[in-house]
Protein backbone atom coordinates (compact mmCIF):
# COMPACT_ATOMS: atom_id res chain seq x y z
CA MET A 1 89.09 94.48 96.28
CA ALA A 2 86.55 96.66 97.36
CA GLU A 3 86.10 100.38 96.92
CA THR A 4 82.69 100.69 98.99
CA ILE A 5 81.38 98.76 101.91
CA ASP A 6 78.61 96.96 100.11
CA GLU A 7 81.31 95.48 97.58
CA ILE A 8 82.75 93.30 99.94
CA SER A 9 81.61 90.21 99.17
CA LEU A 10 82.69 86.17 100.26
CA ASN A 11 82.23 84.64 96.71
CA TYR A 12 85.48 83.13 95.75
CA GLU A 13 86.18 81.24 92.31
CA GLU A 14 88.91 79.21 91.36
CA ASP A 15 89.10 78.27 87.58
CA GLY A 16 85.30 79.32 86.93
CA GLN A 17 84.27 77.09 89.76
CA LEU A 18 82.37 79.13 92.54
CA ILE A 19 84.44 78.11 95.79
CA VAL A 20 82.63 80.00 98.35
CA LYS A 21 79.04 81.16 97.70
CA GLU A 22 77.81 84.18 99.88
CA LEU A 23 74.23 83.49 101.03
CA ASP A 24 73.65 86.40 102.81
CA LYS A 25 75.79 89.58 104.99
CA GLU A 26 74.80 92.19 107.82
CA ILE A 27 76.82 95.46 107.86
CA LEU A 28 77.44 95.52 111.43
CA THR A 29 79.61 98.61 111.41
CA ARG A 30 80.52 101.31 108.66
CA GLY A 31 83.44 103.58 108.29
CA ALA A 32 86.75 103.07 107.77
CA TRP A 33 87.13 100.17 110.18
CA THR A 34 83.73 98.28 109.33
CA THR A 35 82.49 94.85 110.69
CA ILE A 36 80.21 92.51 108.34
CA VAL A 37 78.79 88.94 109.55
CA PHE A 38 78.53 86.30 106.68
CA ARG A 39 76.38 83.62 105.77
CA TYR A 40 77.71 81.16 103.41
CA LYS A 41 78.44 77.72 101.46
CA GLN A 42 81.43 76.35 100.72
CA TRP A 43 81.76 73.99 97.76
CA ASP A 44 82.68 70.45 98.41
CA LYS A 45 84.69 68.47 96.06
CA LYS A 46 83.92 64.91 97.37
CA THR A 47 80.06 65.66 97.09
CA GLU A 48 80.27 67.93 94.40
CA ASP A 49 77.69 69.84 95.91
CA PHE A 50 77.65 73.03 98.82
CA GLY A 51 78.27 72.18 102.31
CA LYS A 52 76.02 73.25 105.35
CA ASP A 53 75.63 76.78 106.24
CA LEU A 54 78.66 78.83 107.49
CA TYR A 55 79.08 82.04 109.47
CA THR A 56 81.76 84.27 109.68
CA ILE A 57 82.61 87.94 111.36
CA ARG A 58 85.32 89.58 109.77
CA ARG A 59 86.64 93.55 110.46
CA TYR A 60 87.90 95.51 107.12
CA ARG A 61 89.85 98.43 107.07
CA LYS A 62 89.75 101.11 104.30
CA MET A 63 93.46 101.99 103.43
CA LYS A 64 94.71 103.17 100.04
CA GLY A 65 91.14 103.68 98.79
CA ASN A 66 90.19 100.11 99.34
CA TYR A 67 88.61 98.03 102.33
CA MET A 68 91.32 94.87 102.99
CA GLN A 69 90.20 92.35 105.92
CA GLN A 70 92.16 92.77 108.94
CA SER A 71 90.74 90.08 111.07
CA LYS A 72 88.08 86.92 110.84
CA PHE A 73 86.67 84.88 113.38
CA ASN A 74 85.08 81.65 111.68
CA ILE A 75 81.58 80.56 113.90
CA SER A 76 82.47 76.50 113.52
CA ASN A 77 78.75 75.16 113.50
CA SER A 78 74.89 76.47 114.05
CA GLU A 79 75.08 75.18 117.63
CA GLN A 80 78.09 77.36 118.27
CA ALA A 81 76.41 80.28 116.38
CA GLY A 82 73.04 79.62 118.95
CA LYS A 83 75.93 79.53 122.01
CA ILE A 84 77.09 83.11 121.01
CA ILE A 85 72.87 84.39 120.13
CA ALA A 86 72.28 83.26 124.11
CA ALA A 87 75.36 85.06 125.56
CA LEU A 88 75.00 88.12 123.62
CA GLN A 89 71.30 88.20 124.59
CA LYS A 90 71.68 87.80 127.97
CA TRP A 91 74.38 90.04 128.60
CA ILE A 92 72.21 92.72 126.55
CA GLY A 93 69.59 92.23 128.82
CA GLU A 94 71.40 92.87 131.73
CA ASN A 95 71.85 96.15 130.76
């Protein structure tokens, strides 16, 4: 659990093995409710290596002094990420 927004991480270990490796994060909103987009890799047991870059958007809420995950959206692949970016750029350009 994280007490501050900057302490929030996707890094996850099992039995001393890093399973989820956070590569980067962008904090989109700060406060009692915070939104963060992460870039990460996941360990693949078959290849014994980290796979391709993955992306997720997570919402956290501060309760009893700690940030708890409330929701998440996993972006399936780079193609889907590009489509999300294109849609947002189109909508923002319309304003």
